[in-house]
N, C-alpha and C. Protein backbone atom coordinates (compact mmCIF):
# COMPACT_ATOMS: atom_id res chain seq x y z
N MET A 1 -15.28 -16.47 15.33
CA MET A 1 -15.16 -17.62 16.45
C MET A 1 -14.81 -18.91 15.79
N ASN A 2 -13.75 -19.62 16.36
CA ASN A 2 -13.28 -21.02 15.88
C ASN A 2 -14.53 -21.81 15.79
N PRO A 3 -14.66 -22.56 14.57
CA PRO A 3 -15.78 -23.56 14.51
C PRO A 3 -15.76 -24.57 15.45
N LYS A 4 -14.49 -25.13 15.93
CA LYS A 4 -14.58 -26.12 16.97
C LYS A 4 -15.05 -25.55 18.37
N ARG A 5 -14.69 -24.43 18.53
CA ARG A 5 -15.28 -23.69 19.83
C ARG A 5 -16.74 -23.58 19.79
N ARG A 6 -17.30 -23.30 18.63
CA ARG A 6 -18.85 -23.15 18.41
C ARG A 6 -19.51 -24.40 18.85
N LYS A 7 -18.90 -25.60 18.31
CA LYS A 7 -19.48 -26.85 18.52
C LYS A 7 -19.50 -27.25 19.93
N LYS A 8 -18.40 -26.81 20.72
CA LYS A 8 -18.38 -27.10 22.11
C LYS A 8 -19.35 -26.22 22.98
N MET A 9 -19.68 -25.02 22.44
CA MET A 9 -20.66 -24.09 23.15
C MET A 9 -22.09 -24.63 22.96
N VAL A 10 -22.27 -25.14 21.77
CA VAL A 10 -23.74 -25.67 21.51
C VAL A 10 -23.66 -27.27 21.73
N SER A 11 -24.64 -27.68 22.49
CA SER A 11 -24.61 -29.11 22.74
C SER A 11 -25.94 -29.80 22.47
N LYS A 12 -25.93 -31.04 22.02
CA LYS A 12 -27.21 -31.74 21.80
C LYS A 12 -27.80 -32.45 23.04
N GLN A 13 -27.01 -32.36 24.19
CA GLN A 13 -27.40 -33.06 25.40
C GLN A 13 -28.14 -32.08 26.23
N VAL A 14 -28.54 -31.04 25.79
CA VAL A 14 -29.36 -29.92 26.56
C VAL A 14 -30.73 -30.04 26.17
N ASP A 15 -31.71 -29.64 26.93
CA ASP A 15 -33.10 -29.59 26.54
C ASP A 15 -33.34 -28.49 25.64
N ILE A 16 -32.56 -27.58 25.31
CA ILE A 16 -32.89 -26.59 24.48
C ILE A 16 -32.43 -27.00 23.01
N SER A 17 -33.25 -26.64 22.02
CA SER A 17 -32.90 -27.12 20.74
C SER A 17 -31.76 -26.39 20.10
N LEU A 18 -31.15 -26.98 19.17
CA LEU A 18 -29.87 -26.34 18.48
C LEU A 18 -30.22 -24.96 17.92
N SER A 19 -31.40 -24.85 17.32
CA SER A 19 -31.70 -23.56 16.78
C SER A 19 -31.78 -22.49 17.82
N ARG A 20 -32.39 -22.82 18.91
CA ARG A 20 -32.62 -21.84 19.97
C ARG A 20 -31.16 -21.61 20.58
N GLN A 21 -30.44 -22.61 20.71
CA GLN A 21 -29.06 -22.42 21.33
C GLN A 21 -28.19 -21.37 20.46
N CYS A 22 -28.30 -21.54 19.18
CA CYS A 22 -27.61 -20.68 18.19
C CYS A 22 -28.18 -19.25 18.18
N LYS A 23 -29.50 -19.01 18.51
CA LYS A 23 -30.16 -17.75 18.52
C LYS A 23 -29.60 -17.11 19.80
N ILE A 24 -29.46 -17.74 20.86
CA ILE A 24 -28.96 -17.29 22.13
C ILE A 24 -27.44 -16.62 22.02
N LEU A 25 -26.75 -17.61 21.32
CA LEU A 25 -25.31 -17.15 21.18
C LEU A 25 -25.00 -16.20 20.12
N LYS A 26 -26.11 -15.94 19.24
CA LYS A 26 -26.02 -15.11 18.05
C LYS A 26 -25.09 -15.60 16.99
N ILE A 27 -25.21 -16.81 16.61
CA ILE A 27 -24.34 -17.36 15.54
C ILE A 27 -25.25 -18.09 14.65
N SER A 28 -24.97 -18.32 13.39
CA SER A 28 -25.89 -18.84 12.49
C SER A 28 -25.83 -20.43 12.68
N ARG A 29 -26.84 -21.17 12.35
CA ARG A 29 -26.83 -22.50 12.64
C ARG A 29 -26.08 -23.29 11.74
N SER A 30 -25.89 -22.71 10.51
CA SER A 30 -24.99 -23.41 9.41
C SER A 30 -23.63 -23.49 9.84
N SER A 31 -23.16 -22.58 10.79
CA SER A 31 -21.78 -22.46 11.16
C SER A 31 -21.67 -23.75 11.99
N LEU A 32 -22.47 -24.38 12.58
CA LEU A 32 -22.26 -25.61 13.44
C LEU A 32 -21.75 -26.75 12.46
N TYR A 33 -22.13 -26.73 11.18
CA TYR A 33 -21.88 -27.79 10.30
C TYR A 33 -20.72 -27.47 9.40
N TYR A 34 -20.18 -26.26 9.51
CA TYR A 34 -19.05 -25.89 8.79
C TYR A 34 -17.71 -26.60 9.09
N ALA A 35 -17.12 -27.25 8.12
CA ALA A 35 -15.84 -27.90 8.31
C ALA A 35 -14.71 -27.05 7.46
N PRO A 36 -13.78 -26.46 8.05
CA PRO A 36 -12.82 -25.72 7.34
C PRO A 36 -12.04 -26.48 6.26
N VAL A 37 -11.91 -26.01 5.14
CA VAL A 37 -11.23 -26.77 4.00
C VAL A 37 -9.76 -26.19 3.95
N GLY A 38 -8.75 -26.96 3.97
CA GLY A 38 -7.41 -26.56 3.87
C GLY A 38 -6.98 -26.32 2.47
N PHE A 39 -5.74 -26.14 2.29
CA PHE A 39 -5.17 -25.84 0.94
C PHE A 39 -4.81 -27.20 0.13
N SER A 40 -4.91 -27.28 -1.03
CA SER A 40 -4.46 -28.54 -1.78
C SER A 40 -3.05 -28.54 -1.67
N PRO A 41 -2.43 -29.76 -1.93
CA PRO A 41 -1.05 -29.85 -2.02
C PRO A 41 -0.42 -29.07 -3.04
N LYS A 42 -1.02 -28.85 -4.15
CA LYS A 42 -0.48 -28.01 -5.20
C LYS A 42 -0.38 -26.54 -4.82
N THR A 43 -1.45 -26.03 -4.13
CA THR A 43 -1.37 -24.71 -3.63
C THR A 43 -0.31 -24.59 -2.69
N LEU A 44 -0.22 -25.38 -1.67
CA LEU A 44 0.84 -25.49 -0.64
C LEU A 44 2.31 -25.51 -1.24
N ASP A 45 2.41 -26.17 -2.30
CA ASP A 45 3.72 -26.04 -3.01
C ASP A 45 3.99 -24.85 -3.69
N LEU A 46 2.89 -24.27 -4.33
CA LEU A 46 3.03 -22.86 -4.94
C LEU A 46 3.36 -21.88 -3.87
N MET A 47 2.78 -21.97 -2.65
CA MET A 47 2.96 -21.06 -1.61
C MET A 47 4.40 -21.11 -1.04
N SER A 48 4.89 -22.39 -1.01
CA SER A 48 6.29 -22.54 -0.59
C SER A 48 7.29 -21.93 -1.61
N GLN A 49 6.85 -22.15 -2.79
CA GLN A 49 7.95 -21.47 -3.91
C GLN A 49 7.71 -20.04 -3.87
N ILE A 50 6.68 -19.38 -3.73
CA ILE A 50 6.41 -17.96 -3.58
C ILE A 50 7.32 -17.41 -2.47
N ASP A 51 7.27 -18.14 -1.39
CA ASP A 51 8.00 -17.91 -0.16
C ASP A 51 9.44 -17.85 -0.44
N ARG A 52 10.01 -19.03 -1.09
CA ARG A 52 11.41 -19.08 -1.58
C ARG A 52 11.85 -17.82 -2.38
N VAL A 53 10.99 -17.41 -3.37
CA VAL A 53 11.37 -16.43 -4.36
C VAL A 53 11.36 -15.02 -3.53
N PHE A 54 10.40 -14.96 -2.62
CA PHE A 54 10.31 -13.70 -1.74
C PHE A 54 11.53 -13.50 -0.79
N THR A 55 11.90 -14.82 -0.22
CA THR A 55 13.11 -14.70 0.64
C THR A 55 14.32 -14.30 -0.14
N THR A 56 14.53 -14.68 -1.43
CA THR A 56 15.78 -14.33 -2.20
C THR A 56 15.61 -12.84 -2.63
N TYR A 57 14.41 -12.35 -3.05
CA TYR A 57 14.09 -11.13 -3.55
C TYR A 57 13.01 -10.40 -2.66
N PRO A 58 13.25 -9.85 -1.56
CA PRO A 58 12.24 -9.43 -0.60
C PRO A 58 11.70 -8.11 -1.13
N PHE A 59 12.11 -7.53 -2.13
CA PHE A 59 11.57 -6.29 -2.84
C PHE A 59 10.57 -6.66 -4.04
N PHE A 60 10.48 -7.87 -4.30
CA PHE A 60 9.53 -8.40 -5.33
C PHE A 60 8.03 -8.19 -4.80
N GLY A 61 7.14 -7.54 -5.57
CA GLY A 61 5.80 -7.55 -5.35
C GLY A 61 5.28 -8.75 -6.11
N SER A 62 3.82 -8.65 -6.08
CA SER A 62 3.05 -9.79 -6.79
C SER A 62 3.39 -9.93 -8.24
N ARG A 63 3.66 -8.72 -8.92
CA ARG A 63 3.76 -8.75 -10.28
C ARG A 63 5.12 -9.39 -10.80
N GLN A 64 6.14 -8.97 -9.93
CA GLN A 64 7.54 -9.56 -10.28
C GLN A 64 7.70 -11.03 -9.77
N ILE A 65 6.90 -11.30 -8.83
CA ILE A 65 6.95 -12.88 -8.43
C ILE A 65 6.21 -13.65 -9.42
N THR A 66 5.11 -13.05 -9.96
CA THR A 66 4.42 -13.77 -10.97
C THR A 66 5.32 -13.99 -12.31
N ALA A 67 5.99 -12.92 -12.58
CA ALA A 67 6.96 -13.05 -13.75
C ALA A 67 8.09 -14.01 -13.54
N TYR A 68 8.46 -14.08 -12.30
CA TYR A 68 9.64 -14.90 -12.01
C TYR A 68 9.33 -16.42 -11.83
N LEU A 69 8.08 -16.66 -11.41
CA LEU A 69 7.69 -18.12 -11.29
C LEU A 69 7.92 -18.97 -12.38
N PRO A 70 7.65 -18.65 -13.63
CA PRO A 70 7.93 -19.62 -14.74
C PRO A 70 9.34 -20.21 -14.86
N ARG A 71 10.34 -19.32 -14.41
CA ARG A 71 11.75 -19.81 -14.41
C ARG A 71 11.98 -20.87 -13.47
N THR A 72 11.17 -20.99 -12.36
CA THR A 72 11.19 -22.10 -11.54
C THR A 72 10.28 -23.16 -11.81
N GLY A 73 9.52 -23.10 -12.89
CA GLY A 73 8.65 -24.17 -13.21
C GLY A 73 7.21 -24.12 -12.75
N TYR A 74 6.86 -23.02 -12.18
CA TYR A 74 5.62 -22.76 -11.49
C TYR A 74 4.89 -21.73 -12.31
N HIS A 75 3.65 -21.85 -12.61
CA HIS A 75 2.77 -20.81 -13.31
C HIS A 75 1.53 -20.52 -12.39
N ALA A 76 1.28 -19.14 -12.32
CA ALA A 76 0.17 -18.62 -11.52
C ALA A 76 -0.16 -17.26 -11.92
N GLY A 77 -1.42 -16.85 -11.90
CA GLY A 77 -1.86 -15.49 -12.21
C GLY A 77 -1.33 -14.53 -11.13
N ARG A 78 -1.33 -13.26 -11.51
CA ARG A 78 -1.02 -12.26 -10.59
C ARG A 78 -1.87 -12.15 -9.23
N HIS A 79 -3.16 -12.14 -9.55
CA HIS A 79 -4.18 -12.04 -8.55
C HIS A 79 -4.04 -13.20 -7.65
N ARG A 80 -3.83 -14.45 -8.06
CA ARG A 80 -3.70 -15.56 -7.30
C ARG A 80 -2.38 -15.37 -6.39
N VAL A 81 -1.33 -14.97 -7.05
CA VAL A 81 -0.05 -14.72 -6.29
C VAL A 81 -0.24 -13.70 -5.15
N ARG A 82 -1.01 -12.64 -5.54
CA ARG A 82 -1.08 -11.49 -4.66
C ARG A 82 -1.99 -12.08 -3.43
N ARG A 83 -3.04 -12.86 -3.79
CA ARG A 83 -4.00 -13.47 -2.64
C ARG A 83 -3.05 -14.42 -1.75
N LEU A 84 -2.34 -15.18 -2.31
CA LEU A 84 -1.43 -16.18 -1.56
C LEU A 84 -0.40 -15.41 -0.77
N MET A 85 0.11 -14.39 -1.41
CA MET A 85 1.13 -13.50 -0.54
C MET A 85 0.47 -12.84 0.71
N LYS A 86 -0.93 -12.53 0.60
CA LYS A 86 -1.54 -11.94 1.66
C LYS A 86 -1.80 -12.98 2.70
N ILE A 87 -2.16 -14.17 2.35
CA ILE A 87 -2.35 -15.35 3.27
C ILE A 87 -1.13 -15.64 4.01
N ILE A 88 -0.02 -15.77 3.29
CA ILE A 88 1.30 -16.00 3.90
C ILE A 88 1.75 -14.83 4.78
N GLY A 89 1.35 -13.57 4.35
CA GLY A 89 1.85 -12.35 5.29
C GLY A 89 2.98 -11.75 4.60
N LEU A 90 3.09 -11.92 3.24
CA LEU A 90 4.39 -11.34 2.61
C LEU A 90 3.92 -9.97 1.92
N GLU A 91 4.80 -8.95 2.22
CA GLU A 91 4.58 -7.71 1.49
C GLU A 91 5.96 -7.14 1.15
N ALA A 92 5.99 -6.68 -0.17
CA ALA A 92 7.21 -6.23 -0.77
C ALA A 92 7.95 -5.02 0.15
N ILE A 93 9.18 -5.12 0.38
CA ILE A 93 9.87 -4.27 1.07
C ILE A 93 10.41 -3.21 -0.05
N TYR A 94 10.11 -1.87 0.24
CA TYR A 94 10.68 -0.92 -0.72
C TYR A 94 10.63 0.39 0.12
N LYS A 95 11.31 1.33 -0.29
CA LYS A 95 11.46 2.61 0.53
C LYS A 95 10.31 3.50 0.12
N ARG A 96 9.62 4.00 1.18
CA ARG A 96 8.52 4.78 0.78
C ARG A 96 8.90 6.24 1.17
N PRO A 97 8.44 7.26 0.44
CA PRO A 97 8.76 8.63 0.72
C PRO A 97 8.29 9.05 2.05
N ASN A 98 9.14 10.02 2.62
CA ASN A 98 8.84 10.52 3.88
C ASN A 98 8.87 12.10 3.81
N THR A 99 8.02 12.63 2.88
CA THR A 99 8.20 13.97 2.62
C THR A 99 6.96 14.75 3.36
N SER A 100 5.97 14.06 3.86
CA SER A 100 4.79 14.87 4.36
C SER A 100 4.83 15.15 5.87
N LYS A 101 5.85 14.57 6.48
CA LYS A 101 5.75 14.67 7.98
C LYS A 101 6.31 16.10 8.46
N LYS A 102 5.44 16.73 9.27
CA LYS A 102 5.88 18.07 9.66
C LYS A 102 6.79 18.01 11.00
N HIS A 103 7.82 18.84 11.05
CA HIS A 103 8.53 18.86 12.22
C HIS A 103 7.77 19.63 13.36
N PRO A 104 7.70 19.21 14.48
CA PRO A 104 6.90 19.91 15.51
C PRO A 104 7.35 21.40 15.74
N GLU A 105 8.62 21.64 15.51
CA GLU A 105 9.19 23.05 15.84
C GLU A 105 8.88 23.90 14.62
N ASN A 106 8.49 23.46 13.44
CA ASN A 106 8.29 24.35 12.27
C ASN A 106 7.03 25.24 12.42
N ARG A 107 7.13 26.45 12.11
CA ARG A 107 5.94 27.31 12.22
C ARG A 107 5.08 27.21 10.96
N ILE A 108 3.91 27.34 11.38
CA ILE A 108 2.76 27.24 10.18
C ILE A 108 2.41 28.71 9.85
N TYR A 109 2.72 29.05 8.59
CA TYR A 109 2.45 30.38 8.11
C TYR A 109 1.09 30.58 7.66
N PRO A 110 0.55 31.88 7.73
CA PRO A 110 -0.82 32.09 7.29
C PRO A 110 -0.83 32.01 5.75
N TYR A 111 -2.08 31.82 5.14
CA TYR A 111 -2.34 31.82 3.75
C TYR A 111 -2.48 33.13 3.32
N LEU A 112 -1.47 33.76 2.56
CA LEU A 112 -1.64 35.22 2.16
C LEU A 112 -2.38 35.45 0.93
N LEU A 113 -2.70 34.50 0.17
CA LEU A 113 -3.39 34.59 -1.14
C LEU A 113 -4.86 34.50 -1.03
N ARG A 114 -5.38 34.18 0.11
CA ARG A 114 -6.91 34.03 0.23
C ARG A 114 -7.57 35.35 -0.13
N GLY A 115 -8.54 35.09 -1.11
CA GLY A 115 -9.29 36.35 -1.59
C GLY A 115 -8.66 37.17 -2.65
N MET A 116 -7.42 36.86 -3.02
CA MET A 116 -6.62 37.62 -3.89
C MET A 116 -7.00 37.23 -5.47
N GLN A 117 -7.32 38.17 -6.21
CA GLN A 117 -7.45 37.85 -7.63
C GLN A 117 -6.15 37.87 -8.43
N ILE A 118 -5.89 36.64 -9.12
CA ILE A 118 -4.53 36.56 -9.83
C ILE A 118 -4.96 36.59 -11.30
N THR A 119 -4.54 37.79 -11.96
CA THR A 119 -5.04 38.04 -13.08
C THR A 119 -3.91 38.20 -14.28
N ARG A 120 -2.68 38.29 -13.87
CA ARG A 120 -1.61 38.53 -14.85
C ARG A 120 -0.51 37.67 -14.54
N ALA A 121 0.49 37.61 -15.53
CA ALA A 121 1.67 36.65 -15.39
C ALA A 121 2.63 37.37 -14.45
N ASN A 122 3.38 36.56 -13.79
CA ASN A 122 4.36 37.05 -12.80
C ASN A 122 3.78 37.73 -11.59
N GLN A 123 2.64 37.58 -11.35
CA GLN A 123 2.05 38.08 -10.21
C GLN A 123 2.17 37.23 -8.98
N VAL A 124 2.03 35.95 -9.23
CA VAL A 124 2.17 34.92 -8.17
C VAL A 124 2.88 33.68 -8.77
N TRP A 125 3.98 33.36 -8.11
CA TRP A 125 4.60 32.06 -8.45
C TRP A 125 4.46 31.12 -7.33
N CYS A 126 4.55 29.88 -7.57
CA CYS A 126 4.32 28.81 -6.72
C CYS A 126 5.57 27.75 -6.92
N ALA A 127 5.80 27.05 -5.76
CA ALA A 127 6.88 26.06 -5.94
C ALA A 127 6.17 24.75 -5.30
N ASP A 128 6.69 23.56 -5.80
CA ASP A 128 6.23 22.30 -5.42
C ASP A 128 7.31 21.37 -5.53
N ILE A 129 7.43 20.45 -4.63
CA ILE A 129 8.34 19.33 -4.70
C ILE A 129 7.66 18.06 -4.77
N SER A 130 8.06 17.14 -5.57
CA SER A 130 7.34 15.82 -5.74
C SER A 130 8.36 14.89 -5.98
N TYR A 131 8.14 13.57 -5.68
CA TYR A 131 8.98 12.55 -5.74
C TYR A 131 8.56 11.56 -6.98
N ILE A 132 9.67 11.07 -7.63
CA ILE A 132 9.55 10.21 -8.80
C ILE A 132 10.18 8.90 -8.43
N PRO A 133 9.31 7.74 -8.43
CA PRO A 133 9.86 6.49 -7.93
C PRO A 133 10.79 5.98 -9.20
N VAL A 134 12.05 5.56 -8.88
CA VAL A 134 12.88 4.97 -9.89
C VAL A 134 13.36 3.66 -9.50
N LYS A 135 14.26 2.89 -10.26
CA LYS A 135 14.57 1.55 -9.88
C LYS A 135 15.25 1.42 -8.50
N ARG A 136 16.00 2.28 -8.13
CA ARG A 136 16.72 2.19 -6.84
C ARG A 136 16.42 3.32 -5.92
N GLY A 137 15.19 3.63 -5.59
CA GLY A 137 14.79 4.83 -4.72
C GLY A 137 13.95 5.74 -5.32
N PHE A 138 14.24 6.99 -5.11
CA PHE A 138 13.42 8.21 -5.52
C PHE A 138 14.34 9.30 -6.07
N LEU A 139 13.80 9.88 -7.00
CA LEU A 139 14.36 11.38 -7.40
C LEU A 139 13.27 12.32 -6.95
N TYR A 140 13.70 13.55 -6.69
CA TYR A 140 12.84 14.49 -6.14
C TYR A 140 12.82 15.65 -7.25
N LEU A 141 11.71 16.14 -7.56
CA LEU A 141 11.52 17.10 -8.47
C LEU A 141 10.95 18.41 -7.83
N MET A 142 11.63 19.33 -8.17
CA MET A 142 11.18 20.72 -7.63
C MET A 142 10.99 21.65 -8.94
N ALA A 143 9.75 22.18 -8.95
CA ALA A 143 9.32 23.07 -9.97
C ALA A 143 8.88 24.40 -9.59
N ILE A 144 9.01 25.46 -10.28
CA ILE A 144 8.61 26.83 -9.84
C ILE A 144 7.73 27.15 -11.07
N MET A 145 6.36 27.46 -10.67
CA MET A 145 5.47 27.80 -11.74
C MET A 145 4.83 29.14 -11.65
N ASP A 146 4.35 29.73 -12.72
CA ASP A 146 3.54 30.89 -12.62
C ASP A 146 2.11 30.65 -12.59
N TRP A 147 1.25 31.07 -11.60
CA TRP A 147 -0.10 30.67 -11.36
C TRP A 147 -1.07 31.13 -12.46
N ALA A 148 -0.84 32.27 -13.08
CA ALA A 148 -1.77 32.73 -14.00
C ALA A 148 -1.61 32.08 -15.23
N THR A 149 -0.51 31.85 -15.78
CA THR A 149 -0.15 31.17 -16.87
C THR A 149 0.11 29.59 -16.93
N CYS A 150 0.40 29.18 -15.67
CA CYS A 150 0.71 27.71 -15.42
C CYS A 150 1.87 27.29 -16.23
N LYS A 151 2.69 28.14 -16.44
CA LYS A 151 4.14 27.98 -17.08
C LYS A 151 5.17 27.51 -16.06
N VAL A 152 5.91 26.50 -16.32
CA VAL A 152 6.98 26.08 -15.50
C VAL A 152 8.15 27.09 -15.84
N LEU A 153 8.57 27.76 -14.86
CA LEU A 153 9.57 28.72 -14.96
C LEU A 153 11.04 28.15 -14.75
N SER A 154 10.95 27.14 -13.80
CA SER A 154 12.28 26.51 -13.71
C SER A 154 12.07 25.18 -12.99
N TRP A 155 12.92 24.16 -12.99
CA TRP A 155 12.71 22.93 -12.45
C TRP A 155 14.13 22.28 -12.17
N ARG A 156 14.11 21.38 -11.24
CA ARG A 156 15.37 20.81 -10.87
C ARG A 156 15.14 19.27 -10.32
N LEU A 157 16.13 18.44 -10.56
CA LEU A 157 15.88 16.98 -10.09
C LEU A 157 17.08 16.84 -9.08
N SER A 158 16.82 16.04 -8.05
CA SER A 158 17.93 15.64 -7.04
C SER A 158 17.66 14.35 -6.49
N ASN A 159 18.62 13.61 -6.12
CA ASN A 159 18.37 12.41 -5.30
C ASN A 159 18.28 12.61 -3.83
N THR A 160 18.45 13.76 -3.37
CA THR A 160 18.30 14.17 -1.98
C THR A 160 17.50 15.33 -1.75
N MET A 161 17.06 15.57 -0.52
CA MET A 161 16.25 16.73 -0.30
C MET A 161 17.00 17.69 0.74
N ASP A 162 18.25 18.12 0.39
CA ASP A 162 19.00 18.96 1.26
C ASP A 162 18.63 20.46 0.94
N ALA A 163 19.26 21.37 1.64
CA ALA A 163 18.92 22.79 1.59
C ALA A 163 19.24 23.29 0.13
N SER A 164 20.44 22.87 -0.44
CA SER A 164 20.94 23.36 -1.63
C SER A 164 19.92 22.95 -2.83
N PHE A 165 19.18 21.81 -2.73
CA PHE A 165 18.20 21.50 -3.61
C PHE A 165 17.13 22.50 -3.86
N GLY A 166 16.80 23.27 -2.67
CA GLY A 166 15.58 24.23 -2.79
C GLY A 166 16.14 25.52 -3.40
N ILE A 167 17.35 25.61 -3.81
CA ILE A 167 17.91 26.97 -4.30
C ILE A 167 17.84 26.70 -5.87
N VAL A 168 16.92 27.42 -6.41
CA VAL A 168 16.69 27.32 -7.85
C VAL A 168 16.72 28.76 -8.52
N THR A 169 17.55 28.82 -9.60
CA THR A 169 17.59 30.22 -10.29
C THR A 169 16.51 30.22 -11.36
N VAL A 170 15.78 31.28 -11.45
CA VAL A 170 14.81 31.48 -12.53
C VAL A 170 15.40 32.50 -13.56
N THR A 171 15.41 32.02 -14.75
CA THR A 171 16.05 32.99 -15.83
C THR A 171 15.04 33.14 -16.82
N GLY A 172 14.94 34.26 -17.52
CA GLY A 172 14.14 34.47 -18.69
C GLY A 172 13.06 35.23 -18.48
């Protein structure tokens, strides 16, 4: 609740004591005397500079902004920059992977290996697709492994996840 509003709710001109009024309203008595402290001019200047850098480079996070600030004559630690970015409401813009969303029409298949003992090589293979963040987006890595030996039988990198990416040949 806003401190000014609390003071309006609690009045000295009523026959009930301030302590009792605070108990009724379920607020602490010390909050009546709280005066919000603003930011220093130096901090406001730094916040303005962080905003300018972020406007120029909206993909910069707190680490990159911290590294960039000395070029403009400002110095601040990463945690301070991160805290001020949170106060201002800035968050780095970057492409997030969208690989886990299921299509509503896709069929869910039963798990066929439940209870099966995997004891020898080439009995069960598995495939997995993972993403690797790089400077300008993502690369997708597909690997085929043998479950018994944990050996990678084949792998492939791609910058897209189209159907041809899933076709991997296993040799050897």
